[in-house]
C-alpha atoms as a PDB file:
ATOM      1  CA  UNK A   1     -18.089   5.173 -12.548  1.00  0.00           C
ATOM      2  CA  UNK A   2     -14.539   6.463 -12.014  1.00  0.00           C
ATOM      3  CA  UNK A   3     -15.227   7.021  -8.319  1.00  0.00           C
ATOM      4  CA  UNK A   4     -16.333   3.395  -7.989  1.00  0.00           C
ATOM      5  CA  UNK A   5     -13.165   2.203  -9.732  1.00  0.00           C
ATOM      6  CA  UNK A   6     -10.948   4.269  -7.455  1.00  0.00           C
ATOM      7  CA  UNK A   7     -12.428   2.579  -4.369  1.00  0.00           C
ATOM      8  CA  UNK A   8     -10.387  -0.485  -5.359  1.00  0.00           C
ATOM      9  CA  UNK A   9      -7.428   1.140  -7.149  1.00  0.00           C
ATOM     10  CA  UNK A  10      -4.219   0.475  -5.149  1.00  0.00           C
ATOM     11  CA  UNK A  11      -2.860   3.925  -5.990  1.00  0.00           C
ATOM     12  CA  UNK A  12      -5.846   5.570  -4.316  1.00  0.00           C
ATOM     13  CA  UNK A  13      -6.303   3.218  -1.347  1.00  0.00           C
ATOM     14  CA  UNK A  14      -2.699   2.506  -0.367  1.00  0.00           C
ATOM     15  CA  UNK A  15      -2.826   5.075   2.431  1.00  0.00           C
ATOM     16  CA  UNK A  16      -5.811   3.283   4.001  1.00  0.00           C
ATOM     17  CA  UNK A  17      -3.723   0.091   4.256  1.00  0.00           C
ATOM     18  CA  UNK A  18      -0.357   1.707   4.999  1.00  0.00           C
ATOM     19  CA  UNK A  19       0.065   0.197   8.484  1.00  0.00           C
ATOM     20  CA  UNK A  20      -0.698  -3.308   7.244  1.00  0.00           C
ATOM     21  CA  UNK A  21       1.632  -2.867   4.272  1.00  0.00           C
ATOM     22  CA  UNK A  22       4.459  -1.797   6.566  1.00  0.00           C
ATOM     23  CA  UNK A  23       4.134  -5.092   8.449  1.00  0.00           C
ATOM     24  CA  UNK A  24       4.695  -7.207   5.319  1.00  0.00           C
ATOM     25  CA  UNK A  25       7.997  -9.026   5.111  1.00  0.00           C
ATOM     26  CA  UNK A  26       8.069  -8.403   1.359  1.00  0.00           C
ATOM     27  CA  UNK A  27       6.156  -6.099  -0.949  1.00  0.00           C
ATOM     28  CA  UNK A  28       7.312  -6.707  -4.505  1.00  0.00           C
ATOM     29  CA  UNK A  29       5.876  -4.996  -7.569  1.00  0.00           C
ATOM     30  CA  UNK A  30       7.036  -5.790 -11.083  1.00  0.00           C
ATOM     31  CA  UNK A  31       5.781  -5.049 -14.551  1.00  0.00           C
ATOM     32  CA  UNK A  32       6.819  -4.851 -18.156  1.00  0.00           C
ATOM     33  CA  UNK A  33       7.551  -1.414 -19.565  1.00  0.00           C
ATOM     34  CA  UNK A  34       5.590  -2.216 -22.725  1.00  0.00           C
ATOM     35  CA  UNK A  35       2.461  -3.606 -21.110  1.00  0.00           C
ATOM     36  CA  UNK A  36      -0.392  -3.637 -23.608  1.00  0.00           C
ATOM     37  CA  UNK A  37      -2.791  -2.269 -20.978  1.00  0.00           C
ATOM     38  CA  UNK A  38      -0.315   0.340 -19.669  1.00  0.00           C
ATOM     39  CA  UNK A  39      -0.267  -1.258 -16.226  1.00  0.00           C
ATOM     40  CA  UNK A  40       3.305  -0.026 -15.828  1.00  0.00           C
ATOM     41  CA  UNK A  41       1.975   3.517 -15.484  1.00  0.00           C
ATOM     42  CA  UNK A  42      -0.172   2.586 -12.480  1.00  0.00           C
ATOM     43  CA  UNK A  43       2.667   0.524 -11.029  1.00  0.00           C
ATOM     44  CA  UNK A  44       4.975   3.537 -11.214  1.00  0.00           C
ATOM     45  CA  UNK A  45       2.372   5.697  -9.449  1.00  0.00           C
ATOM     46  CA  UNK A  46       1.914   3.040  -6.761  1.00  0.00           C
ATOM     47  CA  UNK A  47       5.674   2.847  -6.168  1.00  0.00           C
ATOM     48  CA  UNK A  48       5.812   6.641  -5.799  1.00  0.00           C
ATOM     49  CA  UNK A  49       2.950   6.550  -3.268  1.00  0.00           C
ATOM     50  CA  UNK A  50       4.696   3.789  -1.313  1.00  0.00           C
ATOM     51  CA  UNK A  51       7.867   5.905  -1.233  1.00  0.00           C
ATOM     52  CA  UNK A  52       5.920   8.939  -0.056  1.00  0.00           C
ATOM     53  CA  UNK A  53       4.353   6.887   2.739  1.00  0.00           C
ATOM     54  CA  UNK A  54       7.725   5.344   3.684  1.00  0.00           C
ATOM     55  CA  UNK A  55       6.533   1.804   2.984  1.00  0.00           C
ATOM     56  CA  UNK A  56       9.371  -0.596   2.195  1.00  0.00           C
ATOM     57  CA  UNK A  57       8.984  -2.298  -1.156  1.00  0.00           C
ATOM     58  CA  UNK A  58      10.851  -3.367  -4.229  1.00  0.00           C
ATOM     59  CA  UNK A  59       9.740  -2.136  -7.639  1.00  0.00           C
ATOM     60  CA  UNK A  60      11.144  -3.558 -10.849  1.00  0.00           C
ATOM     61  CA  UNK A  61      10.216  -2.677 -14.375  1.00  0.00           C
ATOM     62  CA  UNK A  62      11.422  -4.927 -17.161  1.00  0.00           C
ATOM     63  CA  UNK A  63      11.993  -3.954 -20.784  1.00  0.00           C
ATOM     64  CA  UNK A  64       9.272  -6.247 -22.107  1.00  0.00           C
ATOM     65  CA  UNK A  65       5.553  -6.711 -22.044  1.00  0.00           C
ATOM     66  CA  UNK A  66       3.778  -8.873 -19.501  1.00  0.00           C
ATOM     67  CA  UNK A  67       2.751 -11.462 -22.084  1.00  0.00           C
ATOM     68  CA  UNK A  68       6.311 -12.836 -22.096  1.00  0.00           C
ATOM     69  CA  UNK A  69       6.800 -15.544 -19.444  1.00  0.00           C
ATOM     70  CA  UNK A  70       9.259 -14.360 -16.830  1.00  0.00           C
ATOM     71  CA  UNK A  71       8.456 -16.491 -13.794  1.00  0.00           C
ATOM     72  CA  UNK A  72      12.125 -17.306 -13.208  1.00  0.00           C
ATOM     73  CA  UNK A  73      12.940 -13.601 -13.056  1.00  0.00           C
ATOM     74  CA  UNK A  74      10.207 -12.978 -10.485  1.00  0.00           C
ATOM     75  CA  UNK A  75      11.384 -15.813  -8.240  1.00  0.00           C
ATOM     76  CA  UNK A  76      15.025 -14.761  -8.577  1.00  0.00           C
ATOM     77  CA  UNK A  77      14.100 -11.181  -7.634  1.00  0.00           C
ATOM     78  CA  UNK A  78      12.022 -12.359  -4.683  1.00  0.00           C
ATOM     79  CA  UNK A  79      14.945 -14.406  -3.386  1.00  0.00           C
ATOM     80  CA  UNK A  80      17.182 -11.327  -3.700  1.00  0.00           C
ATOM     81  CA  UNK A  81      14.675  -9.512  -1.479  1.00  0.00           C
ATOM     82  CA  UNK A  82      14.996 -12.262   1.119  1.00  0.00           C
ATOM     83  CA  UNK A  83      11.747 -14.103   0.379  1.00  0.00           C
ATOM     84  CA  UNK A  84      11.247 -17.729  -0.418  1.00  0.00           C
ATOM     85  CA  UNK A  85      13.586 -20.718  -0.145  1.00  0.00           C
END
């Protein structure tokens, strides 16, 4: 079962898509540091893999859980990265 899950886990398949990811104009990953499902742990691992593969990205971890609305923060961060209007 774990092997099937890993076929779709970004941490394990990022290398397969590295060339395509390098062509993106923006790769932005954000999460809350108190996520109830611990998604921040996988996000940290993904950011480390992206660094190791020299894939440009922006990773932000906020001191909150992902149940708190933070859409304005996401859009503000995306604009700081040069995306959007």
